[in-house]
Amino acid sequence: MPLHNIREVITHNQEAYIEQLFTLLRQKSVSTHNDGIAECATLLKDMMEELGIPTEIMETDGHPVVFGNQMKDENFFTLLIYGHYDVQAPDPIDEWHSPPFEPTIRDGRIYCRGAGDNKGQLMAQLLGVKTYLQHIGDLPINIKFLFEGEEETGSPHLAAFVQAHQDLLRADLVYTADGSSHNSGAPLVLLGVRGTLNVELKAKGAEWDNHSGNTGNIIPNPAWRLINVLQTMRDESGQVLIEGFYDHIRPPSSREKELLRTLPFDAADIGEKIGYPDLQMDGESYYHKLTMEPTFNINGLQSGYTGEGMKTIIPSTASVKMDVRLVVDQDPLHIFEKICQHVQKCDPTIEVNFLGAMEPSRTPADLEVVEVVTNAIHRAYKQAPLIQPSLGGSLPDYVWTKILKVPSIIMPYANFDQRNHAPNENIEIDYFLNGIQCTCHVIHALGEYAQNVGKRDSM
């Protein structure tokens, strides 16, 4: 069957494909609680083998990796497809309109934890391979599959696994379907990610909470000490004041600047979709801040009494949790060291704890294989994709570009408003089906590309 008729096949098999997704969605796999992880890995392995993909479960120092292998010829172009089968916890449960682990269709969307992040996108890739094999013919390339169970906890053991299995994972390109499409609805190609550093600062006062009147002005309040230190770390404009924080940042290339300028921007539309209608920013600033600048974010403050009414105390402890998004070529450990040095100067009694990190990554936009995949996506969607040099968020993309040393392309198959990590997570059915179709086109285009490269090399 010609590739241009593949949508008819996908539409014909729509109900069966959705039911296969439902099977995976119903299986819990909350990595933070180790809830259903082993069961989901086994289920995924069985589903892949039913598709004709030889698959094994491989242990790590944490949750297992599900690895599949469709090797045609050692000399063929090899694509490594990455994804993750773990999901976030569904809390708060009472904000869901349907049970979080019972997939439900409403208004053309599938609602369930993991529907968009990442089980829906993972299944779209697997079903794309199945569709190609059954209706187009033999795969024109080798395909390897690596699905991990710890992405939602920062992929703490993936780098070591990839380092130890470089020969097994050797590939020419890594392709990931994760994240959200552009808010305009256009297909989106991402060529990198920001890294992240997670830290916690703790301040200690008395051995226990004290009466705020009887000991006021006597016992120091650790919450104020923590606030005082935080105010030395960042100014009112958002500029980070930690010495050396902005060292080693790779400036965007002229091609990357050009790509950022071509991305569509509608402040009102984005503001509505992210729940912040007061967003006032131009497109160039928005995309530069989102992809090419680091962040310094407080994501949780805790001290004293925060319940109903009042409890007049001087708290004995205070803590703050922070995530710092980093850009190429910032080193998370280098930044952590700078934070420790800064806190030591300001208040050496404050404890600084390292909670995890992930390195930033970026694939050059001018590679030929990037153009090949971009053109394939264009044909699949009948719309030219937007190309963004980096994702605002973080994925373990560096394990491919820095350990395997291969280019990596991220193509989100989920809708912009998928509500990943939040109640009522969803994926639009059309986006799911489009992902299946896109996978077919990418496989086909890479096969033609590899054949043409082989012809050029033999001339």
Protein backbone atom coordinates (compact mmCIF):
# COMPACT_ATOMS: atom_id res chain seq x y z
CA MET A 1 0.00 0.00 0.00
CA PRO A 2 1.33 3.51 -0.81
CA LEU A 3 2.32 5.60 2.17
CA HIS A 4 -0.10 8.37 1.25
CA ASN A 5 -3.02 6.01 1.97
CA ILE A 6 -1.81 5.12 5.45
CA ARG A 7 -4.34 7.41 7.16
CA GLU A 8 -7.17 5.27 5.80
CA VAL A 9 -5.63 2.22 7.49
CA ILE A 10 -5.21 4.09 10.76
CA THR A 11 -8.79 5.34 10.68
CA HIS A 12 -10.05 1.82 9.93
CA ASN A 13 -8.13 0.46 12.94
CA GLN A 14 -8.90 3.41 15.21
CA GLU A 15 -11.01 1.53 17.76
CA ALA A 16 -8.51 -1.31 18.07
CA TYR A 17 -5.61 1.14 18.45
CA ILE A 18 -7.44 3.10 21.15
CA GLU A 19 -8.25 -0.09 23.03
CA GLN A 20 -4.58 -1.06 22.99
CA LEU A 21 -3.76 2.33 24.48
CA PHE A 22 -6.49 1.86 27.09
CA THR A 23 -4.89 -1.42 28.18
CA LEU A 24 -1.63 0.36 28.92
CA LEU A 25 -3.32 3.34 30.57
CA ARG A 26 -5.28 1.18 33.00
CA GLN A 27 -2.06 -0.20 34.45
CA LYS A 28 -0.76 2.08 37.17
CA SER A 29 2.94 2.95 36.97
CA VAL A 30 3.61 5.78 39.44
CA SER A 31 7.39 5.88 39.71
CA THR A 32 7.57 8.09 42.81
CA HIS A 33 5.62 5.47 44.80
CA ASN A 34 6.84 2.39 42.89
CA ASP A 35 3.17 1.65 42.33
CA GLY A 36 2.62 -0.83 39.48
CA ILE A 37 6.02 -0.26 37.86
CA ALA A 38 7.04 -3.92 37.54
CA GLU A 39 3.57 -4.87 36.32
CA CYS A 40 3.58 -2.12 33.70
CA ALA A 41 7.03 -3.10 32.43
CA THR A 42 5.82 -6.68 31.99
CA LEU A 43 2.63 -5.53 30.28
CA LEU A 44 4.57 -3.30 27.88
CA LYS A 45 6.99 -6.11 27.06
CA ASP A 46 4.06 -8.43 26.26
CA MET A 47 2.38 -5.79 24.09
CA MET A 48 5.59 -5.16 22.14
CA GLU A 49 6.14 -8.86 21.55
CA GLU A 50 2.55 -9.14 20.27
CA LEU A 51 3.56 -6.51 17.70
CA GLY A 52 6.46 -8.74 16.64
CA ILE A 53 9.19 -6.80 18.43
CA PRO A 54 11.67 -9.00 20.35
CA THR A 55 11.69 -7.40 23.79
CA GLU A 56 13.35 -7.86 27.17
CA ILE A 57 13.13 -6.25 30.58
CA MET A 58 16.55 -5.03 31.69
CA GLU A 59 17.36 -4.13 35.26
CA THR A 60 18.89 -0.87 36.42
CA ASP A 61 19.78 0.32 39.91
CA GLY A 62 16.22 1.64 39.98
CA HIS A 63 13.17 0.78 37.91
CA PRO A 64 13.64 -1.53 34.91
CA VAL A 65 14.09 -0.56 31.28
CA VAL A 66 11.99 -2.19 28.55
CA PHE A 67 14.23 -2.73 25.51
CA GLY A 68 13.08 -3.88 22.08
CA ASN A 69 15.04 -4.54 18.94
CA GLN A 70 14.03 -4.72 15.27
CA MET A 71 17.35 -5.26 13.54
CA LYS A 72 17.28 -5.85 9.77
CA ASP A 73 20.97 -5.53 8.99
CA GLU A 74 23.90 -4.28 11.06
CA ASN A 75 24.83 -1.97 8.17
CA PHE A 76 21.38 -0.34 7.99
CA PHE A 77 20.57 3.07 9.44
CA THR A 78 19.49 2.57 13.06
CA LEU A 79 16.83 4.62 14.80
CA LEU A 80 16.49 4.49 18.60
CA ILE A 81 13.01 5.35 19.85
CA TYR A 82 12.91 6.57 23.45
CA GLY A 83 9.96 7.03 25.79
CA HIS A 84 8.85 6.29 29.34
CA TYR A 85 6.14 4.10 30.82
CA ASP A 86 6.08 5.70 34.28
CA VAL A 87 3.61 8.44 35.19
CA GLN A 88 3.11 11.11 37.81
CA ALA A 89 0.95 10.51 40.88
CA PRO A 90 -2.69 11.49 40.17
CA ASP A 91 -3.16 13.77 43.19
CA PRO A 92 -5.30 15.72 43.89
CA ILE A 93 -7.81 12.96 43.12
CA ASP A 94 -10.93 15.04 43.82
CA GLU A 95 -10.13 17.38 40.92
CA TRP A 96 -10.45 14.61 38.32
CA HIS A 97 -13.75 14.46 36.41
CA SER A 98 -13.31 10.70 35.88
CA PRO A 99 -11.11 8.10 37.63
CA PRO A 100 -7.44 8.86 36.86
CA PHE A 101 -6.61 5.28 35.85
CA GLU A 102 -9.80 4.51 33.96
CA PRO A 103 -9.45 5.98 30.42
CA THR A 104 -12.54 7.94 29.47
CA ILE A 105 -13.41 9.64 26.19
CA ARG A 106 -15.07 13.06 26.36
CA ASP A 107 -15.36 15.54 23.49
CA GLY A 108 -12.77 13.79 21.33
CA ARG A 109 -10.18 13.45 24.09
CA ILE A 110 -8.91 10.50 26.09
CA TYR A 111 -8.69 11.42 29.78
CA CYS A 112 -6.39 9.37 32.00
CA ARG A 113 -3.12 9.71 33.87
CA GLY A 114 -0.40 9.04 31.28
CA ALA A 115 -2.67 9.71 28.29
CA GLY A 116 -0.35 12.45 27.07
CA ASP A 117 2.71 11.91 29.23
CA ASN A 118 3.88 9.51 27.95
CA LYS A 119 1.86 6.36 27.32
CA GLY A 120 -0.27 7.85 24.53
CA GLN A 121 2.80 9.08 22.66
CA LEU A 122 4.72 5.86 23.36
CA MET A 123 1.86 3.75 21.97
CA ALA A 124 1.58 6.00 18.91
CA GLN A 125 5.19 5.12 18.06
CA LEU A 126 4.68 1.40 18.61
CA LEU A 127 1.47 1.39 16.58
CA GLY A 128 3.22 3.38 13.87
CA VAL A 129 5.76 0.57 13.55
CA LYS A 130 2.94 -2.01 13.57
CA THR A 131 1.03 -0.13 10.87
CA TYR A 132 4.12 0.20 8.70
CA LEU A 133 4.95 -3.50 8.95
CA GLN A 134 1.42 -4.66 8.22
CA HIS A 135 0.49 -2.26 5.44
CA ILE A 136 3.67 -0.84 3.89
CA GLY A 137 6.16 -3.71 4.13
CA ASP A 138 9.46 -4.56 5.77
CA LEU A 139 11.13 -1.85 7.80
CA PRO A 140 13.71 0.02 5.69
CA ILE A 141 15.82 0.74 8.78
CA ASN A 142 16.77 -0.87 12.08
CA ILE A 143 14.72 0.28 15.04
CA LYS A 144 15.58 -0.05 18.71
CA PHE A 145 13.18 0.86 21.52
CA LEU A 146 14.11 2.00 25.00
CA PHE A 147 11.29 2.77 27.43
CA GLU A 148 12.32 3.67 30.96
CA GLY A 149 10.39 3.71 34.24
CA GLU A 150 11.99 6.67 36.01
CA GLU A 151 11.57 9.71 33.76
CA GLU A 152 9.08 11.30 36.14
CA THR A 153 11.68 11.13 38.93
CA GLY A 154 14.44 12.67 36.82
CA SER A 155 15.81 9.51 35.13
CA PRO A 156 18.40 9.00 37.90
CA HIS A 157 19.71 5.68 36.53
CA LEU A 158 19.33 6.14 32.78
CA ALA A 159 22.77 7.66 32.16
CA ALA A 160 24.53 4.77 33.92
CA PHE A 161 22.43 2.27 31.96
CA VAL A 162 23.25 3.92 28.63
CA GLN A 163 26.93 4.20 29.58
CA ALA A 164 27.04 0.47 30.37
CA HIS A 165 25.17 -0.61 27.22
CA GLN A 166 26.58 1.66 24.51
CA ASP A 167 27.14 -1.18 22.07
CA LEU A 168 23.59 -2.46 22.51
CA LEU A 169 22.12 1.03 22.07
CA ARG A 170 24.34 2.17 19.21
CA ALA A 171 22.22 4.19 16.76
CA ASP A 172 22.38 6.94 14.14
CA LEU A 173 19.50 9.00 15.53
CA VAL A 174 17.33 9.09 18.64
CA TYR A 175 13.66 9.99 18.17
CA THR A 176 11.41 10.88 21.09
CA ALA A 177 7.69 11.62 21.15
CA ASP A 178 7.17 13.51 24.40
CA GLY A 179 6.03 16.90 25.57
CA SER A 180 3.32 19.16 24.15
CA SER A 181 2.73 20.48 20.66
CA HIS A 182 2.93 24.19 19.99
CA ASN A 183 0.06 26.24 21.39
CA SER A 184 -0.88 27.20 17.81
CA GLY A 185 -1.60 23.53 17.05
CA ALA A 186 1.21 23.29 14.50
CA PRO A 187 3.53 20.26 14.61
CA LEU A 188 6.68 21.04 16.54
CA VAL A 189 10.24 19.74 16.22
CA LEU A 190 12.44 20.19 19.29
CA LEU A 191 16.20 19.90 19.01
CA GLY A 192 17.15 20.01 22.66
CA VAL A 193 16.11 20.54 26.25
CA ARG A 194 17.06 22.63 29.21
CA GLY A 195 18.76 20.78 32.02
CA THR A 196 17.70 20.98 35.64
CA LEU A 197 19.21 21.18 39.10
CA ASN A 198 17.04 20.48 42.15
CA VAL A 199 18.14 21.79 45.54
CA GLU A 200 16.78 22.28 49.03
CA LEU A 201 17.79 24.91 51.58
CA LYS A 202 17.08 24.28 55.27
CA ALA A 203 17.30 26.70 58.18
CA LYS A 204 17.17 25.73 61.88
CA GLY A 205 16.24 27.81 64.92
CA ALA A 206 15.29 26.47 68.33
CA GLU A 207 14.88 22.79 69.05
CA TRP A 208 11.09 23.15 68.88
CA ASP A 209 8.41 25.71 68.00
CA ASN A 210 8.07 28.49 70.55
CA HIS A 211 5.37 30.93 71.68
CA SER A 212 5.79 34.02 69.51
CA GLY A 213 5.06 36.36 72.38
CA ASN A 214 6.96 34.73 75.21
CA THR A 215 10.09 34.28 73.10
CA GLY A 216 9.60 37.00 70.46
CA ASN A 217 12.80 39.05 69.89
CA ILE A 218 14.65 36.34 71.78
CA ILE A 219 14.69 33.29 69.49
CA PRO A 220 15.74 33.82 65.83
CA ASN A 221 13.12 32.90 63.25
CA PRO A 222 14.59 30.49 60.61
CA ALA A 223 11.95 31.57 58.08
CA TRP A 224 13.33 35.11 58.07
CA ARG A 225 16.90 33.82 57.82
CA LEU A 226 15.93 31.79 54.78
CA ILE A 227 14.11 34.72 53.18
CA ASN A 228 17.12 36.98 53.75
CA VAL A 229 19.40 34.54 51.94
CA LEU A 230 16.94 34.07 49.07
CA GLN A 231 16.82 37.84 48.55
CA THR A 232 20.59 37.89 47.98
CA MET A 233 20.33 35.28 45.24
CA ARG A 234 18.07 37.08 42.75
CA ASP A 235 17.11 40.69 42.05
CA GLU A 236 13.65 42.08 41.31
CA SER A 237 14.13 41.75 37.53
CA GLY A 238 14.88 38.04 37.84
CA GLN A 239 18.65 38.33 37.34
CA VAL A 240 20.49 35.69 39.37
CA LEU A 241 23.13 37.27 41.60
CA ILE A 242 25.17 34.14 42.39
CA GLU A 243 28.75 34.62 41.22
CA GLY A 244 29.52 32.48 38.15
CA PHE A 245 25.90 31.47 37.55
CA TYR A 246 25.95 32.69 33.93
CA ASP A 247 29.38 31.28 33.08
CA HIS A 248 29.71 28.85 30.15
CA ILE A 249 26.31 29.55 28.57
CA ARG A 250 26.49 28.81 24.85
CA PRO A 251 24.89 31.69 22.91
CA PRO A 252 22.33 30.73 20.26
CA SER A 253 23.66 30.40 16.72
CA SER A 254 22.37 32.66 13.95
CA ARG A 255 20.28 29.72 12.66
CA GLU A 256 18.77 29.17 16.11
CA LYS A 257 17.96 32.87 16.46
CA GLU A 258 16.27 32.73 13.06
CA LEU A 259 14.18 29.72 14.11
CA LEU A 260 13.07 31.47 17.30
CA ARG A 261 11.98 34.54 15.33
CA THR A 262 9.80 32.44 13.01
CA LEU A 263 7.81 30.80 15.83
CA PRO A 264 4.24 32.14 16.02
CA PHE A 265 3.24 33.92 19.19
CA ASP A 266 -0.11 35.01 20.60
CA ALA A 267 0.23 36.30 24.15
CA ALA A 268 -3.51 36.25 24.84
CA ASP A 269 -3.91 32.67 23.61
CA ILE A 270 -0.90 31.39 25.55
CA GLY A 271 -2.00 33.29 28.64
CA GLU A 272 -5.41 31.67 28.52
CA LYS A 273 -3.98 28.18 28.00
CA ILE A 274 -1.52 28.43 30.90
CA GLY A 275 -3.98 30.11 33.25
CA TYR A 276 -2.18 33.48 33.31
CA PRO A 277 -4.17 35.98 31.23
CA ASP A 278 -1.91 38.86 32.34
CA LEU A 279 0.97 37.58 30.20
CA GLN A 280 2.58 40.58 28.49
CA MET A 281 5.59 39.70 26.38
CA ASP A 282 6.66 39.79 22.75
CA GLY A 283 7.39 36.58 20.87
CA GLU A 284 11.14 36.99 20.59
CA SER A 285 11.52 37.57 24.34
CA TYR A 286 9.13 34.72 25.15
CA TYR A 287 10.99 32.08 23.15
CA HIS A 288 14.43 33.29 24.15
CA LYS A 289 13.54 33.18 27.84
CA LEU A 290 11.86 29.79 27.40
CA THR A 291 14.72 28.07 25.59
CA MET A 292 17.99 29.99 25.83
CA GLU A 293 18.00 31.35 29.39
CA PRO A 294 18.34 29.53 32.72
CA THR A 295 15.73 29.88 35.45
CA PHE A 296 15.96 30.14 39.24
CA ASN A 297 12.62 28.96 40.57
CA ILE A 298 11.17 28.44 44.04
CA ASN A 299 8.71 25.56 43.87
CA GLY A 300 7.95 25.14 47.55
CA LEU A 301 8.35 27.01 50.86
CA GLN A 302 7.61 25.45 54.22
CA SER A 303 7.77 26.78 57.75
CA GLY A 304 5.56 27.04 60.80
CA TYR A 305 1.78 26.82 60.78
CA THR A 306 -0.17 27.24 57.51
CA GLY A 307 -3.58 25.78 58.45
CA GLU A 308 -6.87 27.55 59.14
CA GLY A 309 -6.83 30.39 61.60
CA MET A 310 -3.74 31.37 63.58
CA LYS A 311 -1.13 29.59 65.62
CA THR A 312 1.20 32.14 67.16
CA ILE A 313 4.58 30.47 67.05
CA ILE A 314 8.17 31.05 66.11
CA PRO A 315 8.83 28.00 63.94
CA SER A 316 11.87 25.88 64.66
CA THR A 317 12.62 25.07 61.01
CA ALA A 318 12.18 26.50 57.53
CA SER A 319 12.95 25.03 54.12
CA VAL A 320 12.70 25.92 50.48
CA LYS A 321 12.84 23.64 47.44
CA MET A 322 14.08 25.03 44.14
CA ASP A 323 14.50 23.89 40.57
CA VAL A 324 17.04 25.62 38.36
CA ARG A 325 16.62 25.08 34.62
CA LEU A 326 19.95 25.19 32.81
CA VAL A 327 20.98 25.79 29.22
CA VAL A 328 23.86 24.45 27.12
CA ASP A 329 26.74 24.41 28.32
CA GLN A 330 25.95 24.92 31.99
CA ASP A 331 27.02 22.10 34.30
CA PRO A 332 24.51 21.27 37.09
CA LEU A 333 27.27 20.26 39.53
CA HIS A 334 29.16 23.48 38.81
CA ILE A 335 26.02 25.53 39.51
CA PHE A 336 25.32 23.57 42.70
CA GLU A 337 28.84 24.36 43.92
CA LYS A 338 28.26 28.07 43.20
CA ILE A 339 24.99 28.01 45.17
CA CYS A 340 26.72 26.33 48.13
CA GLN A 341 29.50 28.93 48.08
CA HIS A 342 26.97 31.78 47.96
CA VAL A 343 24.94 30.45 50.89
CA GLN A 344 28.11 29.81 52.89
CA LYS A 345 29.05 33.50 52.53
CA CYS A 346 25.57 34.75 53.46
CA ASP A 347 24.62 32.37 56.25
CA PRO A 348 26.84 29.34 56.90
CA THR A 349 24.25 27.81 59.25
CA ILE A 350 21.86 27.14 56.35
CA GLU A 351 22.05 23.59 54.99
CA VAL A 352 22.10 23.10 51.20
CA ASN A 353 21.05 19.69 49.85
CA PHE A 354 21.45 18.31 46.34
CA LEU A 355 18.19 16.63 45.20
CA GLY A 356 19.09 15.65 41.64
CA ALA A 357 20.13 17.03 38.28
CA MET A 358 19.91 16.55 34.54
CA GLU A 359 22.27 18.06 31.98
CA PRO A 360 21.05 20.31 29.15
CA SER A 361 21.32 19.13 25.54
CA ARG A 362 21.03 20.53 22.03
CA THR A 363 21.32 19.03 18.53
CA PRO A 364 22.55 21.35 15.75
CA ALA A 365 19.70 22.61 13.57
CA ASP A 366 21.68 22.39 10.33
CA LEU A 367 22.20 18.60 10.26
CA GLU A 368 20.94 16.80 7.15
CA VAL A 369 19.06 14.20 9.20
CA VAL A 370 17.15 17.01 10.95
CA GLU A 371 15.96 18.23 7.56
CA VAL A 372 14.95 14.69 6.57
CA VAL A 373 12.81 14.19 9.67
CA THR A 374 11.35 17.69 9.41
CA ASN A 375 10.28 17.04 5.81
CA ALA A 376 8.72 13.71 6.83
CA ILE A 377 6.69 15.45 9.53
CA HIS A 378 5.64 18.05 6.96
CA ARG A 379 4.28 15.30 4.71
CA ALA A 380 2.54 13.53 7.59
CA TYR A 381 0.70 16.63 8.79
CA LYS A 382 0.48 18.42 5.45
CA GLN A 383 1.85 21.38 7.35
CA ALA A 384 5.41 22.57 7.81
CA PRO A 385 6.49 21.94 11.42
CA LEU A 386 7.84 24.65 13.62
CA ILE A 387 11.44 24.04 14.67
CA GLN A 388 12.40 25.06 18.20
CA PRO A 389 16.08 24.75 19.23
CA SER A 390 15.18 23.71 22.77
CA LEU A 391 12.31 22.63 24.97
CA GLY A 392 11.63 24.81 27.97
CA GLY A 393 11.43 21.75 30.21
CA SER A 394 13.84 18.91 30.83
CA LEU A 395 14.25 15.41 29.44
CA PRO A 396 17.29 13.09 29.67
CA ASP A 397 18.29 14.08 26.14
CA TYR A 398 21.95 14.46 27.11
CA VAL A 399 22.37 10.68 27.43
CA TRP A 400 22.01 10.48 23.65
CA THR A 401 23.95 13.56 22.58
CA LYS A 402 26.74 13.33 25.18
CA ILE A 403 27.06 9.61 25.96
CA LEU A 404 25.97 7.93 22.70
CA LYS A 405 27.11 11.04 20.80
CA VAL A 406 24.27 10.95 18.27
CA PRO A 407 21.75 13.59 17.22
CA SER A 408 18.40 13.60 18.95
CA ILE A 409 15.03 14.89 17.76
CA ILE A 410 11.93 15.36 19.92
CA MET A 411 8.55 15.47 18.21
CA PRO A 412 5.63 15.96 20.64
CA TYR A 413 2.52 14.02 19.65
CA ALA A 414 0.29 15.41 22.44
CA ASN A 415 -1.84 18.55 22.35
CA PHE A 416 -0.57 21.73 24.01
CA ASP A 417 -3.30 21.62 26.68
CA GLN A 418 -2.76 17.97 27.63
CA ARG A 419 -2.52 18.89 31.34
CA ASN A 420 0.37 16.56 31.93
CA HIS A 421 1.25 16.26 35.65
CA ALA A 422 -2.16 17.76 36.52
CA PRO A 423 -5.68 16.41 37.09
CA ASN A 424 -7.63 15.59 33.92
CA GLU A 425 -4.56 14.80 31.84
CA ASN A 426 -5.64 14.03 28.29
CA ILE A 427 -4.67 13.47 24.68
CA GLU A 428 -6.87 14.39 21.75
CA ILE A 429 -7.73 11.32 19.69
CA ASP A 430 -6.71 13.13 16.50
CA TYR A 431 -3.30 13.88 17.99
CA PHE A 432 -2.87 10.21 18.94
CA LEU A 433 -3.77 9.06 15.42
CA ASN A 434 -1.60 11.75 13.86
CA GLY A 435 1.30 10.43 15.93
CA ILE A 436 0.84 6.95 14.48
CA GLN A 437 0.83 8.40 10.99
CA CYS A 438 3.85 10.60 11.68
CA THR A 439 5.86 7.61 12.90
CA CYS A 440 5.19 5.82 9.61
CA HIS A 441 6.39 8.82 7.61
CA VAL A 442 9.54 9.26 9.70
CA ILE A 443 10.49 5.58 9.29
CA HIS A 444 9.93 5.76 5.53
CA ALA A 445 11.88 8.99 5.09
CA LEU A 446 14.84 7.71 7.11
CA GLY A 447 14.87 4.59 4.94
CA GLU A 448 15.08 6.70 1.78
CA TYR A 449 17.69 8.95 3.35
CA ALA A 450 19.88 6.01 4.36
CA GLN A 451 19.59 4.54 0.88
CA ASN A 452 20.60 7.83 -0.75
CA VAL A 453 23.54 8.26 1.63
CA GLY A 454 24.66 4.73 0.77
CA LYS A 455 24.50 5.55 -2.93
CA ARG A 456 26.53 8.75 -2.41
CA ASP A 457 29.14 6.89 -0.37
CA SER A 458 29.56 4.24 -3.11
CA MET A 459 30.11 6.78 -5.87
